[in-house]
């Protein structure tokens, strides 16, 4: 589990295409300080498994499904990425519960600078809109954010200077693609309510 609090702005060192999948090598001295083979590291909000570490870098395999459903397929050498290690049991939940399972992608629609922050608006895929509510949580490129506005086809967030400086969101421009993960609690709640509605009255649910 992750919390959406980015630990490090990493860099893609190499992208090796292997059929319809890919092998990524990324620089991240902070997140690799205690990483070993088989550990997880979130890259732009996508949970990847470490296959090799060394010299402040790590490699990870990315399957076709992940390349299709996230912006990892757009990465090239030199690309900057958001990196986060899993939260240890008993650790601080600084953001919200993030699985590292991307639900879809969105595009940056606009950026409006403020005095000490910036309002950024993103498109919102139709299938995810019902999970996004004003003042709720959403993960954008691995960053835990609070939704400031949500309509049928878009949502907005406010980015503070720390987020602008220390994550890829400070560099994204209108038209750029970002990864989205909606609140897992909202998805489970919907599933439970839907199941209850379809269960015959008096049925044994044990």
C-alpha atoms as a PDB file:
ATOM      1  CA  UNK A   1       0.000   0.000   0.000  1.00  0.00           C
ATOM      2  CA  UNK A   2       1.086   3.573  -0.742  1.00  0.00           C
ATOM      3  CA  UNK A   3      -0.173   6.916   0.530  1.00  0.00           C
ATOM      4  CA  UNK A   4       0.431   9.246  -2.412  1.00  0.00           C
ATOM      5  CA  UNK A   5       3.199  11.206  -0.687  1.00  0.00           C
ATOM      6  CA  UNK A   6       5.992  11.347  -3.265  1.00  0.00           C
ATOM      7  CA  UNK A   7       9.432  10.675  -1.851  1.00  0.00           C
ATOM      8  CA  UNK A   8      11.548  11.486  -4.850  1.00  0.00           C
ATOM      9  CA  UNK A   9      11.474  12.873  -8.378  1.00  0.00           C
ATOM     10  CA  UNK A  10      13.261  10.149 -10.313  1.00  0.00           C
ATOM     11  CA  UNK A  11      14.553   9.888 -13.865  1.00  0.00           C
ATOM     12  CA  UNK A  12      14.154   7.273 -16.569  1.00  0.00           C
ATOM     13  CA  UNK A  13      17.580   6.001 -17.599  1.00  0.00           C
ATOM     14  CA  UNK A  14      16.553   3.443 -20.211  1.00  0.00           C
ATOM     15  CA  UNK A  15      13.477   1.895 -21.816  1.00  0.00           C
ATOM     16  CA  UNK A  16      13.884  -1.494 -23.454  1.00  0.00           C
ATOM     17  CA  UNK A  17      10.929  -2.799 -25.435  1.00  0.00           C
ATOM     18  CA  UNK A  18      10.457  -6.560 -25.165  1.00  0.00           C
ATOM     19  CA  UNK A  19       7.617  -7.559 -27.471  1.00  0.00           C
ATOM     20  CA  UNK A  20       4.487  -5.853 -26.149  1.00  0.00           C
ATOM     21  CA  UNK A  21       6.040  -5.245 -22.717  1.00  0.00           C
ATOM     22  CA  UNK A  22       8.984  -3.132 -21.551  1.00  0.00           C
ATOM     23  CA  UNK A  23      11.911  -3.080 -19.153  1.00  0.00           C
ATOM     24  CA  UNK A  24      12.461   0.231 -17.361  1.00  0.00           C
ATOM     25  CA  UNK A  25      15.610   1.387 -15.617  1.00  0.00           C
ATOM     26  CA  UNK A  26      15.111   4.362 -13.349  1.00  0.00           C
ATOM     27  CA  UNK A  27      17.313   6.497 -11.119  1.00  0.00           C
ATOM     28  CA  UNK A  28      16.049   6.943  -7.563  1.00  0.00           C
ATOM     29  CA  UNK A  29      18.716   6.929  -4.842  1.00  0.00           C
ATOM     30  CA  UNK A  30      16.209   7.634  -2.063  1.00  0.00           C
ATOM     31  CA  UNK A  31      13.716   4.868  -2.875  1.00  0.00           C
ATOM     32  CA  UNK A  32      16.463   2.353  -3.668  1.00  0.00           C
ATOM     33  CA  UNK A  33      18.386   2.960  -0.427  1.00  0.00           C
ATOM     34  CA  UNK A  34      16.707  -0.060   1.190  1.00  0.00           C
ATOM     35  CA  UNK A  35      15.161  -1.714  -1.879  1.00  0.00           C
ATOM     36  CA  UNK A  36      15.800  -5.319  -2.859  1.00  0.00           C
ATOM     37  CA  UNK A  37      14.714  -7.720  -5.559  1.00  0.00           C
ATOM     38  CA  UNK A  38      10.951  -8.275  -5.346  1.00  0.00           C
ATOM     39  CA  UNK A  39      10.152  -5.065  -3.495  1.00  0.00           C
ATOM     40  CA  UNK A  40       7.532  -2.634  -4.788  1.00  0.00           C
ATOM     41  CA  UNK A  41       8.030   0.961  -5.863  1.00  0.00           C
ATOM     42  CA  UNK A  42       5.296   3.187  -7.268  1.00  0.00           C
ATOM     43  CA  UNK A  43       6.290   4.955 -10.490  1.00  0.00           C
ATOM     44  CA  UNK A  44       3.859   7.740 -11.437  1.00  0.00           C
ATOM     45  CA  UNK A  45       1.361   5.927  -9.261  1.00  0.00           C
ATOM     46  CA  UNK A  46       1.905   2.495 -10.829  1.00  0.00           C
ATOM     47  CA  UNK A  47       3.073  -0.247  -8.470  1.00  0.00           C
ATOM     48  CA  UNK A  48       6.080  -1.959 -10.081  1.00  0.00           C
ATOM     49  CA  UNK A  49       8.212  -4.850  -8.831  1.00  0.00           C
ATOM     50  CA  UNK A  50      11.938  -4.255  -8.494  1.00  0.00           C
ATOM     51  CA  UNK A  51      13.959  -6.784 -10.481  1.00  0.00           C
ATOM     52  CA  UNK A  52      17.426  -5.311  -9.917  1.00  0.00           C
ATOM     53  CA  UNK A  53      19.058  -2.475  -7.959  1.00  0.00           C
ATOM     54  CA  UNK A  54      22.452  -0.815  -7.955  1.00  0.00           C
ATOM     55  CA  UNK A  55      24.170   2.596  -8.041  1.00  0.00           C
ATOM     56  CA  UNK A  56      21.015   4.394  -6.933  1.00  0.00           C
ATOM     57  CA  UNK A  57      18.906   2.918  -9.726  1.00  0.00           C
ATOM     58  CA  UNK A  58      16.477   0.055 -10.210  1.00  0.00           C
ATOM     59  CA  UNK A  59      14.883  -1.920 -13.027  1.00  0.00           C
ATOM     60  CA  UNK A  60      11.294  -3.111 -13.358  1.00  0.00           C
ATOM     61  CA  UNK A  61       9.271  -5.042 -15.898  1.00  0.00           C
ATOM     62  CA  UNK A  62       6.119  -3.414 -17.256  1.00  0.00           C
ATOM     63  CA  UNK A  63       3.541  -5.650 -18.922  1.00  0.00           C
ATOM     64  CA  UNK A  64       1.381  -4.681 -21.890  1.00  0.00           C
ATOM     65  CA  UNK A  65      -1.718  -4.083 -19.739  1.00  0.00           C
ATOM     66  CA  UNK A  66       0.142  -1.482 -17.679  1.00  0.00           C
ATOM     67  CA  UNK A  67       1.602   0.233 -20.752  1.00  0.00           C
ATOM     68  CA  UNK A  68      -1.890   0.482 -22.240  1.00  0.00           C
ATOM     69  CA  UNK A  69      -3.714   1.718 -19.134  1.00  0.00           C
ATOM     70  CA  UNK A  70      -1.110   4.204 -17.873  1.00  0.00           C
ATOM     71  CA  UNK A  71       1.301   6.847 -19.126  1.00  0.00           C
ATOM     72  CA  UNK A  72       4.315   4.584 -18.555  1.00  0.00           C
ATOM     73  CA  UNK A  73       4.159   3.707 -22.242  1.00  0.00           C
ATOM     74  CA  UNK A  74       5.078   7.331 -23.012  1.00  0.00           C
ATOM     75  CA  UNK A  75       8.271   7.329 -20.962  1.00  0.00           C
ATOM     76  CA  UNK A  76      11.616   7.867 -22.685  1.00  0.00           C
ATOM     77  CA  UNK A  77      15.165   8.277 -21.344  1.00  0.00           C
ATOM     78  CA  UNK A  78      15.296  11.550 -19.455  1.00  0.00           C
ATOM     79  CA  UNK A  79      11.624  11.547 -18.429  1.00  0.00           C
ATOM     80  CA  UNK A  80      11.006  12.533 -14.820  1.00  0.00           C
ATOM     81  CA  UNK A  81       8.789  10.298 -12.683  1.00  0.00           C
ATOM     82  CA  UNK A  82       7.229  10.360  -9.228  1.00  0.00           C
ATOM     83  CA  UNK A  83       8.596   7.642  -6.920  1.00  0.00           C
ATOM     84  CA  UNK A  84       7.251   6.282  -3.646  1.00  0.00           C
ATOM     85  CA  UNK A  85       8.044   3.233  -1.525  1.00  0.00           C
ATOM     86  CA  UNK A  86       5.231   1.253   0.147  1.00  0.00           C
ATOM     87  CA  UNK A  87       4.113   2.426   3.571  1.00  0.00           C
ATOM     88  CA  UNK A  88       5.382   0.133   6.349  1.00  0.00           C
ATOM     89  CA  UNK A  89       2.896  -1.326   8.809  1.00  0.00           C
ATOM     90  CA  UNK A  90       2.434   1.267  11.518  1.00  0.00           C
ATOM     91  CA  UNK A  91       3.744   4.062   9.283  1.00  0.00           C
ATOM     92  CA  UNK A  92       2.093   7.431   8.828  1.00  0.00           C
ATOM     93  CA  UNK A  93      -0.811   7.611   6.380  1.00  0.00           C
ATOM     94  CA  UNK A  94       0.142  11.035   5.105  1.00  0.00           C
ATOM     95  CA  UNK A  95      -2.133  11.072   2.074  1.00  0.00           C
ATOM     96  CA  UNK A  96      -4.822   8.419   1.586  1.00  0.00           C
ATOM     97  CA  UNK A  97      -4.951   4.698   0.785  1.00  0.00           C
ATOM     98  CA  UNK A  98      -3.339   4.204  -2.629  1.00  0.00           C
ATOM     99  CA  UNK A  99      -2.987   0.762  -4.187  1.00  0.00           C
ATOM    100  CA  UNK A 100      -0.774   1.639  -7.129  1.00  0.00           C
ATOM    101  CA  UNK A 101      -3.405   0.196  -9.485  1.00  0.00           C
ATOM    102  CA  UNK A 102      -4.139   2.841 -12.113  1.00  0.00           C
ATOM    103  CA  UNK A 103      -7.803   3.083 -13.137  1.00  0.00           C
ATOM    104  CA  UNK A 104      -7.192   5.151 -16.264  1.00  0.00           C
ATOM    105  CA  UNK A 105      -5.548   8.224 -17.689  1.00  0.00           C
ATOM    106  CA  UNK A 106      -6.594  11.839 -18.089  1.00  0.00           C
ATOM    107  CA  UNK A 107      -5.299  14.941 -19.815  1.00  0.00           C
ATOM    108  CA  UNK A 108      -4.269  18.249 -18.284  1.00  0.00           C
ATOM    109  CA  UNK A 109      -6.835  20.802 -19.491  1.00  0.00           C
ATOM    110  CA  UNK A 110      -5.657  24.040 -17.899  1.00  0.00           C
ATOM    111  CA  UNK A 111      -3.391  25.641 -15.317  1.00  0.00           C
ATOM    112  CA  UNK A 112      -4.236  28.854 -13.476  1.00  0.00           C
ATOM    113  CA  UNK A 113      -1.455  30.287 -11.257  1.00  0.00           C
ATOM    114  CA  UNK A 114      -2.349  31.780  -7.868  1.00  0.00           C
ATOM    115  CA  UNK A 115      -0.310  33.703  -5.298  1.00  0.00           C
ATOM    116  CA  UNK A 116       1.060  30.632  -3.487  1.00  0.00           C
ATOM    117  CA  UNK A 117      -0.598  27.761  -5.361  1.00  0.00           C
ATOM    118  CA  UNK A 118      -1.892  26.731  -8.764  1.00  0.00           C
ATOM    119  CA  UNK A 119      -5.295  25.450  -9.872  1.00  0.00           C
ATOM    120  CA  UNK A 120      -5.038  22.595 -12.362  1.00  0.00           C
ATOM    121  CA  UNK A 121      -7.978  21.064 -14.238  1.00  0.00           C
ATOM    122  CA  UNK A 122      -7.951  17.554 -15.699  1.00  0.00           C
ATOM    123  CA  UNK A 123     -10.315  15.627 -17.944  1.00  0.00           C
ATOM    124  CA  UNK A 124     -12.296  12.875 -16.228  1.00  0.00           C
ATOM    125  CA  UNK A 125     -13.065   9.582 -18.010  1.00  0.00           C
ATOM    126  CA  UNK A 126     -16.780   8.785 -17.995  1.00  0.00           C
ATOM    127  CA  UNK A 127     -16.315   5.477 -16.190  1.00  0.00           C
ATOM    128  CA  UNK A 128     -14.506   7.133 -13.268  1.00  0.00           C
ATOM    129  CA  UNK A 129     -16.609  10.249 -12.791  1.00  0.00           C
ATOM    130  CA  UNK A 130     -18.946   8.645 -10.230  1.00  0.00           C
ATOM    131  CA  UNK A 131     -16.017   8.010  -7.869  1.00  0.00           C
ATOM    132  CA  UNK A 132     -14.747  11.608  -7.858  1.00  0.00           C
ATOM    133  CA  UNK A 133     -16.381  14.119  -5.523  1.00  0.00           C
ATOM    134  CA  UNK A 134     -15.551  17.584  -4.293  1.00  0.00           C
ATOM    135  CA  UNK A 135     -13.287  17.449  -1.201  1.00  0.00           C
ATOM    136  CA  UNK A 136     -12.651  13.759  -1.862  1.00  0.00           C
ATOM    137  CA  UNK A 137      -9.268  12.166  -2.556  1.00  0.00           C
ATOM    138  CA  UNK A 138      -7.783  11.198  -5.907  1.00  0.00           C
ATOM    139  CA  UNK A 139      -4.334  10.060  -6.992  1.00  0.00           C
ATOM    140  CA  UNK A 140      -2.806  11.853  -9.981  1.00  0.00           C
ATOM    141  CA  UNK A 141       0.514  10.433 -11.233  1.00  0.00           C
ATOM    142  CA  UNK A 142       0.923   8.891  -7.797  1.00  0.00           C
ATOM    143  CA  UNK A 143       0.257  12.138  -5.896  1.00  0.00           C
ATOM    144  CA  UNK A 144      -2.516  12.158  -3.287  1.00  0.00           C
ATOM    145  CA  UNK A 145      -4.662  15.234  -3.942  1.00  0.00           C
ATOM    146  CA  UNK A 146      -7.903  16.751  -2.716  1.00  0.00           C
ATOM    147  CA  UNK A 147     -10.523  17.455  -5.364  1.00  0.00           C
ATOM    148  CA  UNK A 148     -11.581  21.119  -5.314  1.00  0.00           C
ATOM    149  CA  UNK A 149     -14.201  20.824  -8.053  1.00  0.00           C
ATOM    150  CA  UNK A 150     -15.798  17.933  -9.933  1.00  0.00           C
ATOM    151  CA  UNK A 151     -18.220  17.883 -12.843  1.00  0.00           C
ATOM    152  CA  UNK A 152     -19.248  15.194 -15.279  1.00  0.00           C
ATOM    153  CA  UNK A 153     -16.182  15.322 -17.473  1.00  0.00           C
ATOM    154  CA  UNK A 154     -13.495  17.139 -15.505  1.00  0.00           C
ATOM    155  CA  UNK A 155     -12.116  17.819 -12.059  1.00  0.00           C
ATOM    156  CA  UNK A 156      -9.774  20.364 -10.509  1.00  0.00           C
ATOM    157  CA  UNK A 157      -7.159  20.344  -7.749  1.00  0.00           C
ATOM    158  CA  UNK A 158      -5.016  22.950  -6.035  1.00  0.00           C
ATOM    159  CA  UNK A 159      -1.253  22.382  -6.022  1.00  0.00           C
ATOM    160  CA  UNK A 160       0.893  23.895  -3.281  1.00  0.00           C
ATOM    161  CA  UNK A 161       4.516  24.991  -3.938  1.00  0.00           C
ATOM    162  CA  UNK A 162       5.952  21.749  -2.511  1.00  0.00           C
ATOM    163  CA  UNK A 163       3.899  19.650  -4.931  1.00  0.00           C
ATOM    164  CA  UNK A 164       4.809  21.918  -7.846  1.00  0.00           C
ATOM    165  CA  UNK A 165       8.530  21.728  -7.022  1.00  0.00           C
ATOM    166  CA  UNK A 166       8.916  18.092  -6.007  1.00  0.00           C
ATOM    167  CA  UNK A 167       6.617  16.183  -8.384  1.00  0.00           C
ATOM    168  CA  UNK A 168       5.990  15.896 -12.108  1.00  0.00           C
ATOM    169  CA  UNK A 169       2.747  17.847 -11.692  1.00  0.00           C
ATOM    170  CA  UNK A 170       4.716  21.076 -11.600  1.00  0.00           C
ATOM    171  CA  UNK A 171       5.945  20.312 -15.139  1.00  0.00           C
ATOM    172  CA  UNK A 172       2.804  18.966 -16.784  1.00  0.00           C
ATOM    173  CA  UNK A 173       1.304  21.160 -19.495  1.00  0.00           C
ATOM    174  CA  UNK A 174      -2.154  21.206 -21.116  1.00  0.00           C
ATOM    175  CA  UNK A 175      -2.477  18.109 -23.280  1.00  0.00           C
ATOM    176  CA  UNK A 176      -0.074  15.997 -21.200  1.00  0.00           C
ATOM    177  CA  UNK A 177      -1.297  12.634 -19.893  1.00  0.00           C
ATOM    178  CA  UNK A 178      -1.516  11.710 -16.212  1.00  0.00           C
ATOM    179  CA  UNK A 179      -2.433   8.497 -14.386  1.00  0.00           C
ATOM    180  CA  UNK A 180      -5.555   8.382 -12.211  1.00  0.00           C
ATOM    181  CA  UNK A 181      -6.441   6.127  -9.314  1.00  0.00           C
ATOM    182  CA  UNK A 182      -9.764   6.829  -7.661  1.00  0.00           C
ATOM    183  CA  UNK A 183     -10.532   6.205  -4.002  1.00  0.00           C
ATOM    184  CA  UNK A 184     -10.656   2.441  -3.412  1.00  0.00           C
ATOM    185  CA  UNK A 185     -13.173   2.940  -0.583  1.00  0.00           C
ATOM    186  CA  UNK A 186     -15.634   4.460  -3.066  1.00  0.00           C
ATOM    187  CA  UNK A 187     -15.258   1.476  -5.392  1.00  0.00           C
ATOM    188  CA  UNK A 188     -15.778  -1.077  -2.635  1.00  0.00           C
ATOM    189  CA  UNK A 189     -18.786   0.834  -1.309  1.00  0.00           C
ATOM    190  CA  UNK A 190     -20.378   0.812  -4.745  1.00  0.00           C
ATOM    191  CA  UNK A 191     -19.693  -2.893  -5.124  1.00  0.00           C
ATOM    192  CA  UNK A 192     -21.227  -3.739  -1.767  1.00  0.00           C
ATOM    193  CA  UNK A 193     -24.335  -1.651  -2.407  1.00  0.00           C
ATOM    194  CA  UNK A 194     -24.779  -3.137  -5.869  1.00  0.00           C
ATOM    195  CA  UNK A 195     -24.416  -6.666  -4.485  1.00  0.00           C
ATOM    196  CA  UNK A 196     -26.968  -5.942  -1.766  1.00  0.00           C
ATOM    197  CA  UNK A 197     -29.495  -4.646  -4.297  1.00  0.00           C
ATOM    198  CA  UNK A 198     -29.151  -7.810  -6.363  1.00  0.00           C
ATOM    199  CA  UNK A 199     -29.392 -10.206  -3.406  1.00  0.00           C
ATOM    200  CA  UNK A 200     -32.867 -11.748  -2.973  1.00  0.00           C
ATOM    201  CA  UNK A 201     -34.599 -10.634   0.206  1.00  0.00           C
ATOM    202  CA  UNK A 202     -33.976 -13.046   3.041  1.00  0.00           C
ATOM    203  CA  UNK A 203     -30.989 -14.711   1.316  1.00  0.00           C
ATOM    204  CA  UNK A 204     -28.226 -15.988   3.582  1.00  0.00           C
ATOM    205  CA  UNK A 205     -25.188 -13.736   2.903  1.00  0.00           C
ATOM    206  CA  UNK A 206     -22.822 -15.653   5.130  1.00  0.00           C
END
